[in-house]
Amino acid sequence: MENGAGWSPVYNEPKAGSSTRPPGVVLAIVTSLFTVAILGVHYDWWPIPHRNGGVIKLAIVSVCILGFSVVGILWAWRIVRFWKRERRLSWTMGVAPAVVSAAVLCGLVFPAPNFDTARADMEEVAQGIQSNPGESLENVTIGGLYFSSVSLESDGCVYFVDREWFPISTYGWMYGPNCTPDPNKFGRLRMLGGEWYEFERGT
């Protein structure tokens, strides 16, 4: 534009809709949803009463990992874009990583229930089933562990089916003072002591 003082450059306003906001609340919320889903699987917050429960849980974790990858790429792209425009950092950039870090710390400080922590409760249930041979349990939580079924089978063992990867295999533990499992019927059979076995077998 020309005037009495000569020529002066025209100032270009930022385009409407262009954002210089750093990654923050939205990505943190999405990250939190994926994080809660993985923690739920890790701690068995939402047992899945389905013969394909193991496959479903694996699918949930796979989707969450893929989601984390997408969110991570988007988070990094937003940071680079914001830095190029503003030449500064923002505290909101750290919200999403903080959520993930907190989840990892939670997993380290508070381990998920396992066989060792649930063993006493499982043994009590097994002895009760042995006293009532016709009794069986389905979709039950014992000592913090979820089992799709607990039953006394013909070999004298009480089977605690922890995971079912239908139609590939089942995994869990079995107990019994008169337990005489046939190793040929299992893909993996390991004696744990104290009348307990860990097993995996095809279905």
Protein backbone atom coordinates (compact mmCIF):
# COMPACT_ATOMS: atom_id res chain seq x y z
CA MET A 1 0.00 0.00 0.00
CA GLU A 2 1.35 3.45 -0.87
CA ASN A 3 0.86 6.68 1.06
CA GLY A 4 2.70 9.89 1.63
CA ALA A 5 5.35 8.11 3.69
CA GLY A 6 6.02 5.59 0.95
CA TRP A 7 5.31 1.90 0.66
CA SER A 8 4.61 -0.32 3.68
CA PRO A 9 4.16 -4.13 3.71
CA VAL A 10 0.70 -5.58 4.18
CA TYR A 11 0.27 -7.59 7.41
CA ASN A 12 -1.33 -10.99 6.83
CA GLU A 13 -3.63 -12.08 9.63
CA PRO A 14 -3.61 -15.79 10.55
CA LYS A 15 -6.11 -17.79 8.56
CA ALA A 16 -9.46 -18.33 10.20
CA GLY A 17 -9.61 -21.68 11.94
CA SER A 18 -5.83 -22.07 12.26
CA SER A 19 -5.01 -23.07 15.83
CA THR A 20 -1.85 -22.52 17.82
CA ARG A 21 -3.11 -24.39 20.86
CA PRO A 22 -0.73 -27.02 22.25
CA PRO A 23 -1.87 -30.63 22.73
CA GLY A 24 -3.78 -30.81 25.96
CA VAL A 25 -7.18 -31.77 27.32
CA VAL A 26 -8.66 -33.67 24.38
CA LEU A 27 -5.63 -35.89 23.86
CA ALA A 28 -5.39 -36.42 27.62
CA ILE A 29 -9.01 -37.60 27.74
CA VAL A 30 -8.49 -40.02 24.85
CA THR A 31 -5.29 -41.27 26.45
CA SER A 32 -7.12 -41.76 29.75
CA LEU A 33 -9.79 -43.89 28.07
CA PHE A 34 -7.18 -46.21 26.54
CA THR A 35 -5.29 -46.30 29.84
CA VAL A 36 -8.36 -47.25 31.87
CA ALA A 37 -9.21 -49.99 29.36
CA ILE A 38 -5.73 -51.55 29.66
CA LEU A 39 -5.74 -51.27 33.46
CA GLY A 40 -9.18 -52.88 33.46
CA VAL A 41 -7.81 -55.88 31.57
CA HIS A 42 -4.67 -55.99 33.74
CA TYR A 43 -6.61 -55.96 37.01
CA ASP A 44 -9.61 -57.86 35.65
CA TRP A 45 -12.03 -55.07 36.61
CA TRP A 46 -14.53 -56.18 33.99
CA PRO A 47 -14.51 -59.99 33.71
CA ILE A 48 -15.73 -61.23 30.35
CA PRO A 49 -18.06 -64.24 30.84
CA HIS A 50 -17.45 -65.67 27.41
CA ARG A 51 -15.57 -68.73 26.19
CA ASN A 52 -13.53 -66.38 24.00
CA GLY A 53 -12.72 -64.13 26.96
CA GLY A 54 -8.96 -64.40 26.45
CA VAL A 55 -9.25 -63.49 22.77
CA ILE A 56 -11.53 -60.55 23.57
CA LYS A 57 -9.10 -59.20 26.17
CA LEU A 58 -6.20 -59.55 23.74
CA ALA A 59 -8.24 -57.64 21.15
CA ILE A 60 -8.95 -54.84 23.66
CA VAL A 61 -5.27 -54.49 24.50
CA SER A 62 -4.31 -54.52 20.80
CA VAL A 63 -6.82 -51.76 20.02
CA CYS A 64 -5.53 -49.69 22.95
CA ILE A 65 -1.91 -50.07 21.85
CA LEU A 66 -2.88 -49.00 18.34
CA GLY A 67 -4.78 -46.08 19.85
CA PHE A 68 -1.76 -45.07 21.92
CA SER A 69 0.36 -45.10 18.76
CA VAL A 70 -2.06 -42.82 16.91
CA VAL A 71 -2.41 -40.47 19.88
CA GLY A 72 1.39 -40.40 20.31
CA ILE A 73 1.94 -39.43 16.69
CA LEU A 74 -0.75 -36.76 16.88
CA TRP A 75 0.65 -35.48 20.18
CA ALA A 76 4.16 -35.14 18.72
CA TRP A 77 2.83 -33.45 15.55
CA ARG A 78 0.85 -30.93 17.60
CA ILE A 79 3.90 -30.11 19.72
CA VAL A 80 6.10 -29.53 16.67
CA ARG A 81 3.39 -27.38 15.05
CA PHE A 82 2.91 -25.35 18.22
CA TRP A 83 6.66 -24.88 18.71
CA LYS A 84 7.16 -23.65 15.16
CA ARG A 85 4.47 -21.00 15.64
CA GLU A 86 5.00 -19.99 19.25
CA ARG A 87 8.60 -20.90 20.06
CA ARG A 88 7.59 -21.92 23.58
CA LEU A 89 6.34 -24.90 25.55
CA SER A 90 3.13 -25.34 27.53
CA TRP A 91 2.37 -27.37 30.65
CA THR A 92 -0.60 -28.95 28.87
CA MET A 93 1.84 -30.85 26.65
CA GLY A 94 2.70 -33.04 29.61
CA VAL A 95 -0.84 -34.09 30.57
CA ALA A 96 -1.10 -37.12 28.27
CA PRO A 97 2.40 -38.46 29.13
CA ALA A 98 1.58 -37.92 32.83
CA VAL A 99 -1.53 -40.09 32.49
CA VAL A 100 0.46 -42.93 30.92
CA SER A 101 3.26 -42.58 33.49
CA ALA A 102 0.75 -42.71 36.35
CA ALA A 103 -0.77 -45.91 34.91
CA VAL A 104 2.65 -47.56 34.61
CA LEU A 105 3.51 -46.53 38.17
CA CYS A 106 0.17 -47.92 39.38
CA GLY A 107 0.93 -51.24 37.70
CA LEU A 108 4.34 -51.40 39.38
CA VAL A 109 3.21 -50.38 42.86
CA PHE A 110 -0.04 -52.38 42.88
CA PRO A 111 0.53 -55.72 41.12
CA ALA A 112 -2.49 -57.51 39.72
CA PRO A 113 -3.87 -60.45 41.72
CA ASN A 114 -2.09 -63.70 40.89
CA PHE A 115 -2.08 -67.35 41.83
CA ASP A 116 0.12 -66.84 44.87
CA THR A 117 -2.16 -64.18 46.37
CA ALA A 118 -5.34 -66.11 45.54
CA ARG A 119 -4.09 -69.59 46.41
CA ALA A 120 -5.58 -69.83 49.91
CA ASP A 121 -9.04 -68.74 48.72
CA MET A 122 -8.84 -71.10 45.73
CA GLU A 123 -7.92 -74.02 47.97
CA GLU A 124 -10.89 -73.34 50.22
CA VAL A 125 -13.24 -73.32 47.22
CA ALA A 126 -11.65 -76.50 45.82
CA GLN A 127 -12.14 -78.37 49.09
CA GLY A 128 -15.77 -77.27 49.16
CA ILE A 129 -16.34 -78.60 45.64
CA GLN A 130 -14.64 -81.89 46.52
CA SER A 131 -17.06 -82.24 49.41
CA ASN A 132 -19.95 -81.70 46.95
CA PRO A 133 -18.89 -83.48 43.74
CA GLY A 134 -21.92 -82.31 41.77
CA GLU A 135 -21.18 -78.65 42.45
CA SER A 136 -19.45 -76.38 39.94
CA LEU A 137 -18.99 -72.64 39.54
CA GLU A 138 -19.06 -70.43 36.46
CA ASN A 139 -17.94 -66.85 35.89
CA VAL A 140 -16.69 -66.41 39.44
CA THR A 141 -14.01 -64.22 41.05
CA ILE A 142 -11.86 -65.89 43.74
CA GLY A 143 -9.08 -64.03 45.51
CA GLY A 144 -9.23 -61.31 42.90
CA LEU A 145 -8.85 -63.76 39.99
CA TYR A 146 -11.67 -64.33 37.52
CA PHE A 147 -12.44 -67.88 36.41
CA SER A 148 -14.79 -68.89 33.64
CA SER A 149 -15.39 -72.20 35.40
CA VAL A 150 -14.39 -74.19 38.50
CA SER A 151 -15.31 -77.88 38.48
CA LEU A 152 -14.30 -81.35 39.65
CA GLU A 153 -13.39 -83.62 36.75
CA SER A 154 -13.05 -87.39 36.42
CA ASP A 155 -9.31 -87.41 37.21
CA GLY A 156 -10.05 -86.17 40.74
CA CYS A 157 -8.73 -82.66 40.07
CA VAL A 158 -10.62 -79.43 40.65
CA TYR A 159 -10.01 -77.29 37.56
CA PHE A 160 -9.84 -73.51 37.80
CA VAL A 161 -10.07 -72.30 34.20
CA ASP A 162 -8.45 -68.88 34.12
CA ARG A 163 -8.35 -68.12 30.40
CA GLU A 164 -9.97 -69.65 27.40
CA TRP A 165 -8.46 -69.06 23.97
CA PHE A 166 -11.25 -70.84 22.13
CA PRO A 167 -10.79 -72.89 20.01
CA ILE A 168 -7.04 -73.06 20.67
CA SER A 169 -6.53 -73.80 24.36
CA THR A 170 -7.56 -73.34 27.96
CA TYR A 171 -5.26 -72.28 30.77
CA GLY A 172 -5.49 -72.40 34.55
CA TRP A 173 -4.75 -74.36 37.69
CA MET A 174 -5.98 -77.59 39.23
CA TYR A 175 -6.01 -78.91 42.76
CA GLY A 176 -6.67 -82.17 44.57
CA PRO A 177 -5.16 -84.59 47.10
CA ASN A 178 -6.22 -87.46 44.81
CA CYS A 179 -5.46 -85.59 41.60
CA THR A 180 -3.92 -87.87 38.97
CA PRO A 181 -3.83 -85.89 35.70
CA ASP A 182 -2.72 -87.60 32.51
CA PRO A 183 0.23 -85.59 31.09
CA ASN A 184 -0.67 -86.73 27.58
CA LYS A 185 -3.87 -84.70 27.72
CA PHE A 186 -2.05 -81.41 28.27
CA GLY A 187 0.10 -79.21 26.13
CA ARG A 188 1.78 -78.02 29.32
CA LEU A 189 1.55 -79.40 32.85
CA ARG A 190 3.65 -78.16 35.75
CA MET A 191 3.46 -79.27 39.37
CA LEU A 192 3.49 -76.34 41.76
CA GLY A 193 3.61 -78.26 45.01
CA GLY A 194 1.04 -78.54 47.74
CA GLU A 195 -1.29 -80.56 45.48
CA TRP A 196 -1.45 -77.78 42.87
CA TYR A 197 -0.74 -77.93 39.14
CA GLU A 198 -0.62 -75.33 36.41
CA PHE A 199 -1.98 -76.53 33.09
CA GLU A 200 -2.66 -75.62 29.50
CA ARG A 201 -4.55 -77.89 27.16
CA GLY A 202 -6.20 -77.83 23.77
CA THR A 203 -9.96 -77.66 23.46
